[in-house]
N, C-alpha and C. Protein backbone atom coordinates (compact mmCIF):
# COMPACT_ATOMS: atom_id res chain seq x y z
N MET A 1 115.06 -140.76 47.63
CA MET A 1 116.30 -140.00 47.60
C MET A 1 116.08 -138.74 46.78
N PRO A 2 116.42 -137.53 47.32
CA PRO A 2 116.21 -136.30 46.55
C PRO A 2 117.17 -136.21 45.38
N SER A 3 116.73 -135.48 44.37
CA SER A 3 117.57 -135.31 43.18
C SER A 3 118.78 -134.45 43.53
N PRO A 4 119.87 -134.54 42.74
CA PRO A 4 121.08 -133.78 43.06
C PRO A 4 120.91 -132.27 42.99
N THR A 5 119.87 -131.77 42.30
CA THR A 5 119.69 -130.33 42.19
C THR A 5 118.99 -129.74 43.41
N LEU A 6 118.52 -130.59 44.31
CA LEU A 6 117.83 -130.08 45.49
C LEU A 6 118.80 -129.96 46.65
N THR A 7 118.55 -128.98 47.48
CA THR A 7 119.35 -128.82 48.70
C THR A 7 118.43 -129.00 49.90
N THR A 8 119.01 -129.22 51.03
CA THR A 8 118.22 -129.38 52.24
C THR A 8 118.31 -128.11 53.06
N ASP A 9 117.17 -127.57 53.37
CA ASP A 9 117.06 -126.38 54.22
C ASP A 9 116.57 -126.87 55.58
N ARG A 10 117.19 -126.40 56.65
CA ARG A 10 116.84 -126.90 57.98
C ARG A 10 115.37 -126.69 58.32
N ASP A 11 114.78 -125.61 57.84
CA ASP A 11 113.41 -125.30 58.22
C ASP A 11 112.36 -125.93 57.30
N HIS A 12 112.69 -126.16 56.05
CA HIS A 12 111.67 -126.55 55.09
C HIS A 12 111.92 -127.87 54.40
N GLY A 13 112.97 -128.58 54.69
CA GLY A 13 113.27 -129.83 54.01
C GLY A 13 113.85 -129.56 52.63
N PRO A 14 113.77 -130.55 51.72
CA PRO A 14 114.37 -130.38 50.40
C PRO A 14 113.66 -129.29 49.59
N GLU A 15 114.46 -128.46 48.95
CA GLU A 15 113.90 -127.42 48.09
C GLU A 15 114.94 -126.98 47.08
N ALA A 16 114.47 -126.31 46.05
CA ALA A 16 115.35 -125.83 44.99
C ALA A 16 116.17 -124.65 45.48
N PRO A 17 117.43 -124.52 45.00
CA PRO A 17 118.25 -123.38 45.43
C PRO A 17 117.71 -122.03 44.96
N LEU A 18 117.03 -122.00 43.82
CA LEU A 18 116.44 -120.76 43.31
C LEU A 18 114.94 -120.90 43.34
N ARG A 19 114.29 -120.06 44.12
CA ARG A 19 112.83 -120.11 44.22
C ARG A 19 112.33 -118.78 44.75
N LEU A 20 111.05 -118.53 44.51
CA LEU A 20 110.43 -117.35 45.10
C LEU A 20 110.18 -117.62 46.58
N PRO A 21 110.30 -116.61 47.41
CA PRO A 21 110.05 -116.82 48.84
C PRO A 21 108.59 -117.25 49.08
N ARG A 22 108.43 -118.14 50.03
CA ARG A 22 107.08 -118.59 50.41
C ARG A 22 106.56 -117.69 51.52
N PRO A 23 105.24 -117.68 51.73
CA PRO A 23 104.67 -116.82 52.78
C PRO A 23 105.22 -117.11 54.17
N ASP A 24 105.61 -118.36 54.43
CA ASP A 24 106.10 -118.71 55.76
C ASP A 24 107.61 -118.51 55.91
N ASP A 25 108.30 -118.04 54.87
CA ASP A 25 109.73 -117.76 54.96
C ASP A 25 109.96 -116.47 55.75
N PRO A 26 111.00 -116.45 56.57
CA PRO A 26 111.31 -115.20 57.28
C PRO A 26 111.81 -114.15 56.29
N ALA A 27 111.53 -112.91 56.57
CA ALA A 27 112.00 -111.82 55.71
C ALA A 27 113.51 -111.70 55.82
N PRO A 28 114.19 -111.45 54.70
CA PRO A 28 115.64 -111.24 54.78
C PRO A 28 115.95 -109.98 55.58
N ARG A 29 117.11 -109.96 56.20
CA ARG A 29 117.52 -108.78 56.96
C ARG A 29 117.63 -107.58 56.03
N SER A 30 117.34 -106.40 56.54
CA SER A 30 117.37 -105.18 55.73
C SER A 30 118.75 -104.90 55.16
N GLY A 31 119.77 -105.07 55.97
CA GLY A 31 121.13 -104.83 55.50
C GLY A 31 121.51 -105.75 54.36
N ARG A 32 121.05 -106.98 54.43
CA ARG A 32 121.31 -107.96 53.37
C ARG A 32 120.64 -107.52 52.07
N MET A 33 119.39 -107.08 52.17
CA MET A 33 118.67 -106.63 50.98
C MET A 33 119.29 -105.36 50.41
N VAL A 34 119.75 -104.46 51.26
CA VAL A 34 120.41 -103.24 50.79
C VAL A 34 121.67 -103.62 50.02
N ALA A 35 122.44 -104.56 50.55
CA ALA A 35 123.67 -104.98 49.88
C ALA A 35 123.37 -105.62 48.52
N ILE A 36 122.38 -106.51 48.47
CA ILE A 36 122.03 -107.18 47.21
C ILE A 36 121.49 -106.17 46.20
N CYS A 37 120.58 -105.32 46.64
CA CYS A 37 120.00 -104.32 45.73
C CYS A 37 121.03 -103.29 45.28
N GLY A 38 121.91 -102.90 46.18
CA GLY A 38 122.95 -101.94 45.81
C GLY A 38 123.90 -102.50 44.77
N TRP A 39 124.32 -103.75 44.96
CA TRP A 39 125.22 -104.39 44.00
C TRP A 39 124.52 -104.53 42.65
N ALA A 40 123.26 -104.97 42.68
CA ALA A 40 122.50 -105.14 41.44
C ALA A 40 122.30 -103.79 40.74
N ALA A 41 122.05 -102.73 41.50
CA ALA A 41 121.87 -101.40 40.91
C ALA A 41 123.16 -100.91 40.27
N LEU A 42 124.28 -101.17 40.92
CA LEU A 42 125.57 -100.78 40.35
C LEU A 42 125.83 -101.53 39.03
N LEU A 43 125.52 -102.83 39.03
CA LEU A 43 125.64 -103.61 37.79
C LEU A 43 124.74 -103.03 36.69
N ALA A 44 123.53 -102.65 37.07
CA ALA A 44 122.58 -102.11 36.09
C ALA A 44 123.06 -100.78 35.53
N LEU A 45 123.56 -99.91 36.38
CA LEU A 45 124.03 -98.60 35.90
C LEU A 45 125.22 -98.73 34.95
N VAL A 46 126.17 -99.56 35.31
CA VAL A 46 127.33 -99.76 34.43
C VAL A 46 126.88 -100.47 33.15
N GLY A 47 125.96 -101.43 33.29
CA GLY A 47 125.44 -102.13 32.12
C GLY A 47 124.70 -101.20 31.17
N LEU A 48 123.98 -100.23 31.71
CA LEU A 48 123.30 -99.24 30.86
C LEU A 48 124.31 -98.39 30.10
N ALA A 49 125.40 -98.03 30.77
CA ALA A 49 126.44 -97.24 30.10
C ALA A 49 127.07 -98.05 28.96
N VAL A 50 127.35 -99.31 29.21
CA VAL A 50 127.90 -100.18 28.16
C VAL A 50 126.90 -100.33 27.02
N GLY A 51 125.64 -100.52 27.38
CA GLY A 51 124.60 -100.66 26.36
C GLY A 51 124.42 -99.41 25.51
N ALA A 52 124.48 -98.26 26.16
CA ALA A 52 124.35 -97.00 25.40
C ALA A 52 125.52 -96.82 24.45
N ARG A 53 126.72 -97.12 24.92
CA ARG A 53 127.89 -97.02 24.04
C ARG A 53 127.76 -97.99 22.87
N ALA A 54 127.29 -99.20 23.16
CA ALA A 54 127.11 -100.20 22.10
C ALA A 54 126.05 -99.75 21.10
N LEU A 55 124.97 -99.17 21.59
CA LEU A 55 123.91 -98.70 20.71
C LEU A 55 124.44 -97.64 19.74
N PHE A 56 125.17 -96.67 20.27
CA PHE A 56 125.72 -95.62 19.40
C PHE A 56 126.75 -96.17 18.43
N ALA A 57 127.54 -97.12 18.86
CA ALA A 57 128.55 -97.71 17.97
C ALA A 57 127.90 -98.49 16.84
N VAL A 58 126.88 -99.26 17.17
CA VAL A 58 126.19 -100.04 16.14
C VAL A 58 125.42 -99.12 15.20
N ALA A 59 124.73 -98.11 15.76
CA ALA A 59 123.94 -97.20 14.94
C ALA A 59 124.81 -96.37 14.00
N SER A 60 126.01 -96.03 14.45
CA SER A 60 126.90 -95.23 13.60
C SER A 60 127.69 -96.07 12.62
N GLY A 61 127.64 -97.38 12.76
CA GLY A 61 128.37 -98.26 11.85
C GLY A 61 129.83 -98.43 12.23
N ALA A 62 130.22 -97.97 13.41
CA ALA A 62 131.62 -98.06 13.84
C ALA A 62 131.98 -99.42 14.42
N ALA A 63 130.99 -100.22 14.73
CA ALA A 63 131.24 -101.51 15.38
C ALA A 63 131.45 -102.61 14.34
N PRO A 64 132.34 -103.57 14.63
CA PRO A 64 132.48 -104.71 13.73
C PRO A 64 131.23 -105.59 13.77
N ASP A 65 131.09 -106.47 12.79
CA ASP A 65 129.89 -107.30 12.68
C ASP A 65 129.66 -108.20 13.90
N TRP A 66 130.71 -108.68 14.51
CA TRP A 66 130.58 -109.59 15.64
C TRP A 66 130.22 -108.88 16.94
N TYR A 67 130.35 -107.57 16.99
CA TYR A 67 130.22 -106.82 18.23
C TYR A 67 128.81 -106.88 18.82
N GLU A 68 127.81 -106.59 18.02
CA GLU A 68 126.44 -106.52 18.54
C GLU A 68 125.96 -107.83 19.15
N PRO A 69 126.03 -108.98 18.43
CA PRO A 69 125.55 -110.21 19.07
C PRO A 69 126.39 -110.61 20.29
N THR A 70 127.66 -110.29 20.27
CA THR A 70 128.50 -110.64 21.42
C THR A 70 128.11 -109.83 22.65
N VAL A 71 127.95 -108.54 22.50
CA VAL A 71 127.60 -107.68 23.63
C VAL A 71 126.20 -108.04 24.16
N VAL A 72 125.28 -108.31 23.28
CA VAL A 72 123.91 -108.66 23.71
C VAL A 72 123.91 -109.99 24.46
N THR A 73 124.62 -110.98 23.95
CA THR A 73 124.64 -112.30 24.59
C THR A 73 125.31 -112.24 25.95
N VAL A 74 126.46 -111.60 26.02
CA VAL A 74 127.18 -111.49 27.29
C VAL A 74 126.35 -110.68 28.29
N GLY A 75 125.70 -109.63 27.84
CA GLY A 75 124.84 -108.83 28.72
C GLY A 75 123.64 -109.61 29.23
N ALA A 76 123.07 -110.45 28.38
CA ALA A 76 121.92 -111.26 28.80
C ALA A 76 122.33 -112.28 29.86
N VAL A 77 123.51 -112.83 29.74
CA VAL A 77 124.01 -113.77 30.75
C VAL A 77 124.15 -113.05 32.09
N GLY A 78 124.72 -111.85 32.07
CA GLY A 78 124.86 -111.08 33.31
C GLY A 78 123.52 -110.71 33.92
N ALA A 79 122.55 -110.34 33.09
CA ALA A 79 121.21 -110.00 33.59
C ALA A 79 120.53 -111.22 34.20
N ALA A 80 120.69 -112.38 33.59
CA ALA A 80 120.09 -113.61 34.12
C ALA A 80 120.71 -113.98 35.48
N LEU A 81 122.01 -113.82 35.60
CA LEU A 81 122.67 -114.11 36.88
C LEU A 81 122.22 -113.13 37.96
N THR A 82 122.02 -111.87 37.60
CA THR A 82 121.55 -110.88 38.57
C THR A 82 120.12 -111.20 39.01
N ALA A 83 119.27 -111.57 38.08
CA ALA A 83 117.90 -111.95 38.44
C ALA A 83 117.89 -113.19 39.34
N ALA A 84 118.77 -114.14 39.05
CA ALA A 84 118.85 -115.35 39.86
C ALA A 84 119.26 -115.03 41.29
N ALA A 85 120.05 -113.98 41.48
CA ALA A 85 120.46 -113.59 42.83
C ALA A 85 119.25 -113.21 43.68
N PHE A 86 118.26 -112.59 43.07
CA PHE A 86 117.05 -112.23 43.82
C PHE A 86 116.18 -113.45 44.11
N LEU A 87 116.25 -114.46 43.26
CA LEU A 87 115.51 -115.70 43.54
C LEU A 87 116.18 -116.50 44.64
N ALA A 88 117.44 -116.24 44.90
CA ALA A 88 118.19 -116.97 45.92
C ALA A 88 118.32 -116.17 47.21
N VAL A 89 117.50 -115.18 47.40
CA VAL A 89 117.65 -114.27 48.53
C VAL A 89 117.54 -115.00 49.88
N GLN A 90 116.87 -116.13 49.94
CA GLN A 90 116.72 -116.87 51.19
C GLN A 90 117.96 -117.70 51.53
N ARG A 91 118.88 -117.82 50.60
CA ARG A 91 120.11 -118.58 50.83
C ARG A 91 121.17 -117.68 51.47
N THR A 92 122.14 -118.28 52.10
CA THR A 92 123.14 -117.51 52.83
C THR A 92 124.11 -116.80 51.91
N ARG A 93 124.86 -117.53 51.10
CA ARG A 93 125.90 -116.94 50.25
C ARG A 93 125.56 -116.90 48.78
N LEU A 94 124.59 -117.68 48.35
CA LEU A 94 124.30 -117.83 46.92
C LEU A 94 123.99 -116.51 46.21
N PRO A 95 123.22 -115.58 46.79
CA PRO A 95 122.98 -114.32 46.07
C PRO A 95 124.27 -113.55 45.77
N PHE A 96 125.18 -113.56 46.72
CA PHE A 96 126.43 -112.83 46.53
C PHE A 96 127.34 -113.54 45.53
N LEU A 97 127.31 -114.85 45.51
CA LEU A 97 128.07 -115.59 44.50
C LEU A 97 127.51 -115.33 43.11
N LEU A 98 126.19 -115.28 43.00
CA LEU A 98 125.56 -115.00 41.70
C LEU A 98 125.86 -113.57 41.24
N LEU A 99 125.85 -112.62 42.15
CA LEU A 99 126.18 -111.24 41.78
C LEU A 99 127.65 -111.12 41.39
N ALA A 100 128.52 -111.86 42.07
CA ALA A 100 129.93 -111.87 41.68
C ALA A 100 130.08 -112.47 40.29
N ALA A 101 129.33 -113.54 40.02
CA ALA A 101 129.37 -114.14 38.69
C ALA A 101 128.80 -113.19 37.65
N ALA A 102 127.81 -112.38 38.01
CA ALA A 102 127.22 -111.41 37.07
C ALA A 102 128.16 -110.26 36.79
N THR A 103 129.10 -110.01 37.67
CA THR A 103 130.08 -108.95 37.46
C THR A 103 131.07 -109.34 36.36
N VAL A 104 131.35 -110.62 36.22
CA VAL A 104 132.31 -111.10 35.22
C VAL A 104 131.85 -110.76 33.79
N PRO A 105 130.59 -111.06 33.38
CA PRO A 105 130.18 -110.67 32.04
C PRO A 105 130.18 -109.16 31.82
N LEU A 106 129.88 -108.41 32.86
CA LEU A 106 129.90 -106.95 32.73
C LEU A 106 131.32 -106.46 32.45
N VAL A 107 132.28 -106.97 33.19
CA VAL A 107 133.68 -106.60 32.94
C VAL A 107 134.10 -107.07 31.54
N ALA A 108 133.64 -108.25 31.15
CA ALA A 108 133.94 -108.75 29.80
C ALA A 108 133.38 -107.80 28.74
N ASN A 109 132.17 -107.30 28.95
CA ASN A 109 131.58 -106.35 28.00
C ASN A 109 132.36 -105.04 27.96
N LEU A 110 132.85 -104.61 29.10
CA LEU A 110 133.68 -103.40 29.13
C LEU A 110 134.97 -103.61 28.30
N VAL A 111 135.58 -104.77 28.49
CA VAL A 111 136.81 -105.08 27.73
C VAL A 111 136.51 -105.23 26.26
N ILE A 112 135.42 -105.93 25.92
CA ILE A 112 135.04 -106.09 24.51
C ILE A 112 134.81 -104.73 23.86
N SER A 113 134.13 -103.84 24.56
CA SER A 113 133.86 -102.51 24.02
C SER A 113 135.14 -101.71 23.85
N ALA A 114 136.05 -101.83 24.79
CA ALA A 114 137.29 -101.10 24.72
C ALA A 114 138.17 -101.59 23.55
N VAL A 115 138.14 -102.89 23.31
CA VAL A 115 138.97 -103.47 22.25
C VAL A 115 138.34 -103.23 20.87
N ALA A 116 137.02 -103.38 20.78
CA ALA A 116 136.35 -103.33 19.47
C ALA A 116 136.14 -101.92 18.96
N LEU A 117 136.02 -100.94 19.84
CA LEU A 117 135.65 -99.59 19.40
C LEU A 117 136.82 -98.63 19.48
């Protein structure tokens, strides 16, 4: 009996939901990759803006003590979810669900920055 963390893929049998593509896997459609990469790039650009604002706030001493570890931790969670979306590229909806989940910490960081600074 397969473990609960494994899913069944029609072509390859039981496998992990997050994995690197194998040589025998079909290439994802171009439009799908454009959508995933575009969403991830948008997350990265907004995340860089939040990070730059956080850097200047911490360097200038304008940020409260809790701000730096909070922004870094929430940002790391979003980055991990974005990276996981690329590991799930062979799945149907999972990359988009992971990118949607990665958007939540980014919005949280925007709100944290707006409230704290």
